[in-house]
Amino acid sequence: MNVEDVLNHLSVRVQDRKVVLRRLNDLVKDGSNQLVIQRRSAKYTAIEYDPKLTKEDKVPFIIE
């Protein structure tokens, strides 16, 4: 699947196709080692949705 396939999917709606296309191409070009979201997602999602932690308890993790 390429970037054009993603943008042409029936459920995809974008305001500025050129901007989205450029950003997606940049993500692909830069490679996965530049993308931090996936590596940290599991850790921070667990903290974010932990009902036992207060907002004050979560702040140090956010600052980290």
N, C-alpha and C. Protein backbone atom coordinates (compact mmCIF):
# COMPACT_ATOMS: atom_id res chain seq x y z
N MET A 1 0.85 -1.18 0.00
CA MET A 1 0.00 0.00 0.00
C MET A 1 0.90 1.24 0.00
N ASN A 2 0.60 2.16 -0.87
CA ASN A 2 1.39 3.39 -0.91
C ASN A 2 0.57 4.58 -0.42
N VAL A 3 1.18 5.73 -0.41
CA VAL A 3 0.54 6.94 0.12
C VAL A 3 -0.71 7.29 -0.67
N GLU A 4 -0.66 7.15 -1.96
CA GLU A 4 -1.83 7.46 -2.79
C GLU A 4 -3.00 6.53 -2.46
N ASP A 5 -2.71 5.26 -2.21
CA ASP A 5 -3.76 4.31 -1.84
C ASP A 5 -4.44 4.74 -0.54
N VAL A 6 -3.66 5.21 0.40
CA VAL A 6 -4.21 5.66 1.68
C VAL A 6 -5.12 6.86 1.45
N LEU A 7 -4.67 7.82 0.69
CA LEU A 7 -5.47 9.03 0.45
C LEU A 7 -6.71 8.75 -0.39
N ASN A 8 -6.67 7.73 -1.22
CA ASN A 8 -7.81 7.42 -2.07
C ASN A 8 -8.82 6.49 -1.42
N HIS A 9 -8.55 6.05 -0.20
CA HIS A 9 -9.47 5.17 0.50
C HIS A 9 -10.80 5.90 0.74
N LEU A 10 -11.89 5.18 0.65
CA LEU A 10 -13.22 5.79 0.77
C LEU A 10 -13.46 6.50 2.10
N SER A 11 -12.84 6.03 3.17
CA SER A 11 -13.09 6.63 4.48
C SER A 11 -12.17 7.80 4.80
N VAL A 12 -11.24 8.13 3.91
CA VAL A 12 -10.28 9.20 4.18
C VAL A 12 -10.82 10.52 3.65
N ARG A 13 -10.83 11.52 4.53
CA ARG A 13 -11.23 12.88 4.16
C ARG A 13 -10.13 13.83 4.61
N VAL A 14 -9.67 14.67 3.73
CA VAL A 14 -8.62 15.64 4.07
C VAL A 14 -9.00 17.00 3.53
N GLN A 15 -8.56 18.02 4.24
CA GLN A 15 -8.86 19.38 3.80
C GLN A 15 -7.90 19.82 2.69
N ASP A 16 -6.62 19.58 2.90
CA ASP A 16 -5.61 19.99 1.91
C ASP A 16 -4.80 18.77 1.51
N ARG A 17 -5.14 18.20 0.40
CA ARG A 17 -4.52 16.95 -0.07
C ARG A 17 -3.01 17.10 -0.27
N LYS A 18 -2.56 18.24 -0.77
CA LYS A 18 -1.13 18.44 -1.01
C LYS A 18 -0.33 18.42 0.29
N VAL A 19 -0.85 19.05 1.32
CA VAL A 19 -0.16 19.08 2.61
C VAL A 19 -0.08 17.68 3.21
N VAL A 20 -1.19 16.97 3.18
CA VAL A 20 -1.21 15.61 3.73
C VAL A 20 -0.28 14.70 2.94
N LEU A 21 -0.30 14.82 1.64
CA LEU A 21 0.57 14.00 0.79
C LEU A 21 2.04 14.27 1.11
N ARG A 22 2.39 15.54 1.26
CA ARG A 22 3.78 15.89 1.59
C ARG A 22 4.19 15.31 2.94
N ARG A 23 3.32 15.43 3.94
CA ARG A 23 3.64 14.92 5.27
C ARG A 23 3.77 13.40 5.29
N LEU A 24 2.88 12.73 4.61
CA LEU A 24 2.96 11.26 4.55
C LEU A 24 4.23 10.82 3.82
N ASN A 25 4.55 11.49 2.75
CA ASN A 25 5.78 11.16 2.02
C ASN A 25 7.01 11.42 2.88
N ASP A 26 6.99 12.48 3.68
CA ASP A 26 8.10 12.75 4.60
C ASP A 26 8.24 11.64 5.63
N LEU A 27 7.12 11.15 6.15
CA LEU A 27 7.17 10.05 7.11
C LEU A 27 7.80 8.80 6.49
N VAL A 28 7.39 8.50 5.28
CA VAL A 28 7.93 7.33 4.59
C VAL A 28 9.41 7.52 4.30
N LYS A 29 9.78 8.70 3.83
CA LYS A 29 11.17 8.99 3.46
C LYS A 29 12.09 8.94 4.68
N ASP A 30 11.64 9.50 5.82
CA ASP A 30 12.49 9.58 7.02
C ASP A 30 12.71 8.23 7.67
N GLY A 31 11.80 7.31 7.45
CA GLY A 31 11.98 5.96 7.99
C GLY A 31 11.47 5.81 9.41
N SER A 32 11.41 4.58 9.85
CA SER A 32 10.81 4.26 11.15
C SER A 32 11.68 4.69 12.32
N ASN A 33 12.99 4.81 12.13
CA ASN A 33 13.82 5.21 13.27
C ASN A 33 13.59 6.66 13.67
N GLN A 34 12.95 7.44 12.81
CA GLN A 34 12.60 8.82 13.14
C GLN A 34 11.22 8.93 13.80
N LEU A 35 10.46 7.85 13.78
CA LEU A 35 9.10 7.86 14.30
C LEU A 35 9.10 7.29 15.71
N VAL A 36 8.85 8.15 16.68
CA VAL A 36 8.95 7.76 18.08
C VAL A 36 7.61 7.26 18.62
N ILE A 37 6.55 7.61 18.00
CA ILE A 37 5.21 7.33 18.51
C ILE A 37 5.00 5.85 18.80
N GLN A 38 5.33 4.98 17.88
CA GLN A 38 5.07 3.56 18.06
C GLN A 38 5.86 2.96 19.21
N ARG A 39 7.10 3.36 19.36
CA ARG A 39 7.93 2.78 20.40
C ARG A 39 7.45 3.16 21.80
N ARG A 40 6.90 4.32 21.95
CA ARG A 40 6.52 4.80 23.28
C ARG A 40 5.03 4.68 23.56
N SER A 41 4.28 4.32 22.57
CA SER A 41 2.83 4.27 22.69
C SER A 41 2.36 3.35 23.80
N ALA A 42 2.87 2.16 23.87
CA ALA A 42 2.41 1.18 24.87
C ALA A 42 2.63 1.70 26.28
N LYS A 43 3.80 2.27 26.53
CA LYS A 43 4.11 2.76 27.87
C LYS A 43 3.19 3.90 28.27
N TYR A 44 3.08 4.92 27.42
CA TYR A 44 2.33 6.11 27.79
C TYR A 44 0.82 5.92 27.70
N THR A 45 0.36 5.05 26.84
CA THR A 45 -1.07 4.77 26.79
C THR A 45 -1.51 4.10 28.08
N ALA A 46 -0.70 3.18 28.58
CA ALA A 46 -1.02 2.51 29.85
C ALA A 46 -1.09 3.52 30.99
N ILE A 47 -0.17 4.46 31.01
CA ILE A 47 -0.18 5.49 32.06
C ILE A 47 -1.39 6.40 31.90
N GLU A 48 -1.68 6.79 30.69
CA GLU A 48 -2.78 7.71 30.42
C GLU A 48 -4.12 7.16 30.89
N TYR A 49 -4.35 5.88 30.68
CA TYR A 49 -5.65 5.29 30.99
C TYR A 49 -5.69 4.54 32.32
N ASP A 50 -4.64 4.62 33.11
CA ASP A 50 -4.61 3.93 34.40
C ASP A 50 -5.54 4.65 35.38
N PRO A 51 -6.64 4.01 35.80
CA PRO A 51 -7.60 4.66 36.70
C PRO A 51 -7.06 4.87 38.11
N LYS A 52 -5.98 4.20 38.45
CA LYS A 52 -5.42 4.32 39.80
C LYS A 52 -4.51 5.55 39.94
N LEU A 53 -4.08 6.11 38.83
CA LEU A 53 -3.20 7.28 38.88
C LEU A 53 -4.01 8.57 38.75
N THR A 54 -3.68 9.53 39.59
CA THR A 54 -4.31 10.85 39.47
C THR A 54 -3.58 11.64 38.39
N LYS A 55 -4.15 12.77 38.01
CA LYS A 55 -3.48 13.62 37.03
C LYS A 55 -2.11 14.05 37.53
N GLU A 56 -2.03 14.33 38.82
CA GLU A 56 -0.76 14.75 39.41
C GLU A 56 0.29 13.64 39.32
N ASP A 57 -0.15 12.39 39.45
CA ASP A 57 0.78 11.25 39.34
C ASP A 57 1.27 11.07 37.90
N LYS A 58 0.45 11.46 36.94
CA LYS A 58 0.78 11.27 35.54
C LYS A 58 1.72 12.35 34.99
N VAL A 59 1.70 13.52 35.60
CA VAL A 59 2.49 14.65 35.10
C VAL A 59 3.98 14.34 34.95
N PRO A 60 4.63 13.71 35.95
CA PRO A 60 6.07 13.43 35.77
C PRO A 60 6.36 12.56 34.53
N PHE A 61 5.46 11.66 34.21
CA PHE A 61 5.66 10.82 33.02
C PHE A 61 5.52 11.65 31.74
N ILE A 62 4.60 12.60 31.77
CA ILE A 62 4.39 13.46 30.61
C ILE A 62 5.60 14.35 30.38
N ILE A 63 6.14 14.89 31.47
CA ILE A 63 7.31 15.75 31.38
C ILE A 63 8.52 14.97 30.88
N GLU A 64 8.63 13.73 31.32
CA GLU A 64 9.74 12.86 30.90
C GLU A 64 9.78 12.78 29.41
